Amino acid sequence: MNDDGARAAYRGRTVGGGRYQPRDLLGQGGMASVHLAYDTVLDRQVAVKTLHTELGREQSFRERFRREAQAVAKLTHTNIVSVFDSGEDETDGATVPYIVMEYVEGKPLRTVLDEEWPGSGRCRATRR
C-alpha cells in the first residue's frame, strides 16, 4: 500500500468504536501503518497502528499483532512509547486490529542519522 492509499484508507474513518480519529500518516511498513490520531475521550493526540486490511483477514497475523500489543504494553521505560489501548474493528466486512500508543513528536530516526552522520547505515549507491 502506498502513502496515498494508506491516507485514503482512513480518511473520514474512526478506530476503536469511534474513539480515535486517524489524521496524518506517520509511517508504514509491510504489515501495518501508523497514523497520528485524536483521542476524542481524553482530548489528546495518540499514534494508532493498524494492521493492513489484507493481513487482518488472516487469524495468524491478527494473533501476532495482539501479542505485539501485549508485549509492548508490559514494558515501562522512558525510551519506549506506552501502549494505551488495543482491539479490533470491523471495517467494510474486514477485521482491522489496532494498537493505540503514546504519540511522541519528533523526527524519524533515519532523518536524524542522515543529518548527524551522512552516509551512516546505507551504501551511497542505494541511498534515495
C-alpha atoms as a PDB file:
ATOM      1  CA  MET A   1       0.000   0.000   0.000  1.00  0.00           C
ATOM      2  CA  ASN A   2       1.456   3.380  -0.952  1.00  0.00           C
ATOM      3  CA  ASP A   3       1.254   6.542   1.186  1.00  0.00           C
ATOM      4  CA  ASP A   4      -1.763   7.876  -0.718  1.00  0.00           C
ATOM      5  CA  GLY A   5      -3.574   4.550  -0.329  1.00  0.00           C
ATOM      6  CA  ALA A   6      -2.837   4.442   3.406  1.00  0.00           C
ATOM      7  CA  ARG A   7      -4.053   8.025   3.814  1.00  0.00           C
ATOM      8  CA  ALA A   8      -7.202   7.418   1.791  1.00  0.00           C
ATOM      9  CA  ALA A   9      -8.000   4.175   3.626  1.00  0.00           C
ATOM     10  CA  TYR A  10      -8.576   6.100   6.854  1.00  0.00           C
ATOM     11  CA  ARG A  11      -9.860   9.435   5.580  1.00  0.00           C
ATOM     12  CA  GLY A  12     -13.082  10.154   7.479  1.00  0.00           C
ATOM     13  CA  ARG A  13     -12.955   6.896   9.452  1.00  0.00           C
ATOM     14  CA  THR A  14     -12.537   6.194  13.117  1.00  0.00           C
ATOM     15  CA  VAL A  15     -10.890   3.435  15.141  1.00  0.00           C
ATOM     16  CA  GLY A  16     -11.899   1.943  18.465  1.00  0.00           C
ATOM     17  CA  GLY A  17     -15.626   2.292  18.043  1.00  0.00           C
ATOM     18  CA  GLY A  18     -15.317   5.972  17.123  1.00  0.00           C
ATOM     19  CA  ARG A  19     -12.951   6.966  19.918  1.00  0.00           C
ATOM     20  CA  TYR A  20      -9.833   7.536  17.780  1.00  0.00           C
ATOM     21  CA  GLN A  21      -9.841   9.711  14.657  1.00  0.00           C
ATOM     22  CA  PRO A  22      -6.838   8.997  12.383  1.00  0.00           C
ATOM     23  CA  ARG A  23      -5.314  12.085  10.804  1.00  0.00           C
ATOM     24  CA  ASP A  24      -1.846  12.148   9.259  1.00  0.00           C
ATOM     25  CA  LEU A  25       0.056   9.072   8.130  1.00  0.00           C
ATOM     26  CA  LEU A  26       3.258   8.910  10.207  1.00  0.00           C
ATOM     27  CA  GLY A  27       4.740   5.806   8.625  1.00  0.00           C
ATOM     28  CA  GLN A  28       4.077   2.380   7.231  1.00  0.00           C
ATOM     29  CA  GLY A  29       5.728  -0.943   6.725  1.00  0.00           C
ATOM     30  CA  GLY A  30       4.954  -4.280   5.192  1.00  0.00           C
ATOM     31  CA  MET A  31       2.385  -5.203   7.837  1.00  0.00           C
ATOM     32  CA  ALA A  32       0.959  -2.015   9.290  1.00  0.00           C
ATOM     33  CA  SER A  33       0.514   1.745   9.100  1.00  0.00           C
ATOM     34  CA  VAL A  34       0.848   4.281  11.905  1.00  0.00           C
ATOM     35  CA  HIS A  35      -1.327   7.394  11.948  1.00  0.00           C
ATOM     36  CA  LEU A  36      -1.345  10.445  14.139  1.00  0.00           C
ATOM     37  CA  ALA A  37      -4.833  10.342  15.636  1.00  0.00           C
ATOM     38  CA  TYR A  38      -7.047  12.236  18.038  1.00  0.00           C
ATOM     39  CA  ASP A  39      -8.431  10.529  21.166  1.00  0.00           C
ATOM     40  CA  THR A  40     -11.925  12.006  21.484  1.00  0.00           C
ATOM     41  CA  VAL A  41     -12.409  10.784  25.058  1.00  0.00           C
ATOM     42  CA  LEU A  42      -9.179  12.058  26.617  1.00  0.00           C
ATOM     43  CA  ASP A  43      -8.706  15.035  24.244  1.00  0.00           C
ATOM     44  CA  ARG A  44      -5.148  14.208  23.210  1.00  0.00           C
ATOM     45  CA  GLN A  45      -3.032  13.154  20.265  1.00  0.00           C
ATOM     46  CA  VAL A  46      -2.081   9.479  20.014  1.00  0.00           C
ATOM     47  CA  ALA A  47      -0.423   7.205  17.485  1.00  0.00           C
ATOM     48  CA  VAL A  48      -2.629   4.442  16.108  1.00  0.00           C
ATOM     49  CA  LYS A  49      -1.026   1.435  14.444  1.00  0.00           C
ATOM     50  CA  THR A  50      -3.354  -0.595  12.228  1.00  0.00           C
ATOM     51  CA  LEU A  51      -2.655  -3.897  10.551  1.00  0.00           C
ATOM     52  CA  HIS A  52      -3.084  -3.681   6.776  1.00  0.00           C
ATOM     53  CA  THR A  53      -6.598  -4.796   5.838  1.00  0.00           C
ATOM     54  CA  GLU A  54      -5.486  -7.735   3.693  1.00  0.00           C
ATOM     55  CA  LEU A  55      -3.457  -9.162   6.612  1.00  0.00           C
ATOM     56  CA  GLY A  56      -6.334  -8.623   9.043  1.00  0.00           C
ATOM     57  CA  ARG A  57      -8.225 -11.334   7.185  1.00  0.00           C
ATOM     58  CA  GLU A  58      -5.779 -13.949   8.497  1.00  0.00           C
ATOM     59  CA  GLN A  59      -6.089 -15.112  12.098  1.00  0.00           C
ATOM     60  CA  SER A  60      -2.330 -15.761  12.402  1.00  0.00           C
ATOM     61  CA  PHE A  61      -1.492 -12.124  11.604  1.00  0.00           C
ATOM     62  CA  ARG A  62      -4.174 -10.815  13.968  1.00  0.00           C
ATOM     63  CA  GLU A  63      -2.806 -13.022  16.747  1.00  0.00           C
ATOM     64  CA  ARG A  64       0.766 -11.842  16.093  1.00  0.00           C
ATOM     65  CA  PHE A  65      -0.408  -8.226  16.203  1.00  0.00           C
ATOM     66  CA  ARG A  66      -2.256  -8.853  19.501  1.00  0.00           C
ATOM     67  CA  ARG A  67       0.880 -10.435  21.027  1.00  0.00           C
ATOM     68  CA  GLU A  68       2.902  -7.390  19.928  1.00  0.00           C
ATOM     69  CA  ALA A  69       0.471  -5.083  21.748  1.00  0.00           C
ATOM     70  CA  GLN A  70       0.631  -7.217  24.899  1.00  0.00           C
ATOM     71  CA  ALA A  71       4.436  -7.424  24.850  1.00  0.00           C
ATOM     72  CA  VAL A  72       4.979  -3.686  24.385  1.00  0.00           C
ATOM     73  CA  ALA A  73       2.307  -2.858  26.999  1.00  0.00           C
ATOM     74  CA  LYS A  74       4.363  -4.756  29.601  1.00  0.00           C
ATOM     75  CA  LEU A  75       7.415  -2.555  29.005  1.00  0.00           C
ATOM     76  CA  THR A  76       7.990   0.599  31.010  1.00  0.00           C
ATOM     77  CA  HIS A  77      10.908   2.811  30.040  1.00  0.00           C
ATOM     78  CA  THR A  78      11.338   6.469  29.134  1.00  0.00           C
ATOM     79  CA  ASN A  79      12.646   5.494  25.677  1.00  0.00           C
ATOM     80  CA  ILE A  80       9.730   3.202  24.827  1.00  0.00           C
ATOM     81  CA  VAL A  81       6.289   4.548  23.936  1.00  0.00           C
ATOM     82  CA  SER A  82       3.413   3.443  26.139  1.00  0.00           C
ATOM     83  CA  VAL A  83       0.546   1.354  24.800  1.00  0.00           C
ATOM     84  CA  PHE A  84      -2.814   2.834  25.813  1.00  0.00           C
ATOM     85  CA  ASP A  85      -5.299   0.540  24.090  1.00  0.00           C
ATOM     86  CA  SER A  86      -5.706  -2.207  21.506  1.00  0.00           C
ATOM     87  CA  GLY A  87      -8.526  -4.049  19.841  1.00  0.00           C
ATOM     88  CA  GLU A  88     -10.164  -4.912  16.552  1.00  0.00           C
ATOM     89  CA  ASP A  89     -12.671  -3.019  14.421  1.00  0.00           C
ATOM     90  CA  GLU A  90     -14.866  -4.315  11.638  1.00  0.00           C
ATOM     91  CA  THR A  91     -14.484  -2.101   8.577  1.00  0.00           C
ATOM     92  CA  ASP A  92     -16.207  -2.869   5.275  1.00  0.00           C
ATOM     93  CA  GLY A  93     -16.502  -6.525   6.266  1.00  0.00           C
ATOM     94  CA  ALA A  94     -12.834  -6.848   7.242  1.00  0.00           C
ATOM     95  CA  THR A  95     -11.279  -7.143  10.686  1.00  0.00           C
ATOM     96  CA  VAL A  96      -8.761  -4.365  11.362  1.00  0.00           C
ATOM     97  CA  PRO A  97      -6.641  -4.805  14.521  1.00  0.00           C
ATOM     98  CA  TYR A  98      -5.213  -1.643  16.064  1.00  0.00           C
ATOM     99  CA  ILE A  99      -2.789  -0.557  18.781  1.00  0.00           C
ATOM    100  CA  VAL A 100      -3.095   2.910  20.339  1.00  0.00           C
ATOM    101  CA  MET A 101       0.205   4.302  21.587  1.00  0.00           C
ATOM    102  CA  GLU A 102       1.668   7.398  23.109  1.00  0.00           C
ATOM    103  CA  TYR A 103       2.473   9.967  20.429  1.00  0.00           C
ATOM    104  CA  VAL A 104       5.969  11.394  20.695  1.00  0.00           C
ATOM    105  CA  GLU A 105       6.653  14.353  18.447  1.00  0.00           C
ATOM    106  CA  GLY A 106       9.951  14.310  16.638  1.00  0.00           C
ATOM    107  CA  LYS A 107      11.813  13.221  13.547  1.00  0.00           C
ATOM    108  CA  PRO A 108      12.176   9.693  12.209  1.00  0.00           C
ATOM    109  CA  LEU A 109      15.428   8.061  13.303  1.00  0.00           C
ATOM    110  CA  ARG A 110      16.565   7.755   9.666  1.00  0.00           C
ATOM    111  CA  THR A 111      16.274  11.547   9.273  1.00  0.00           C
ATOM    112  CA  VAL A 112      18.285  12.183  12.448  1.00  0.00           C
ATOM    113  CA  LEU A 113      21.002   9.744  11.355  1.00  0.00           C
ATOM    114  CA  ASP A 114      21.178  11.275   7.885  1.00  0.00           C
ATOM    115  CA  GLU A 115      21.500  14.778   9.373  1.00  0.00           C
ATOM    116  CA  GLU A 116      24.054  13.870  12.061  1.00  0.00           C
ATOM    117  CA  TRP A 117      26.077  11.256  10.183  1.00  0.00           C
ATOM    118  CA  PRO A 118      25.581  11.490   6.435  1.00  0.00           C
ATOM    119  CA  GLY A 119      26.057   8.110   4.802  1.00  0.00           C
ATOM    120  CA  SER A 120      25.514   6.139   8.024  1.00  0.00           C
ATOM    121  CA  GLY A 121      23.907   2.769   7.659  1.00  0.00           C
ATOM    122  CA  ARG A 122      23.354   2.956   3.917  1.00  0.00           C
ATOM    123  CA  CYS A 123      25.550   2.431   0.947  1.00  0.00           C
ATOM    124  CA  ARG A 124      25.688   5.602  -1.129  1.00  0.00           C
ATOM    125  CA  ALA A 125      24.636   3.617  -4.204  1.00  0.00           C
ATOM    126  CA  THR A 126      21.327   2.631  -2.565  1.00  0.00           C
ATOM    127  CA  ARG A 127      20.602   5.970  -0.879  1.00  0.00           C
ATOM    128  CA  ARG A 128      17.449   7.667  -2.115  1.00  0.00           C
END
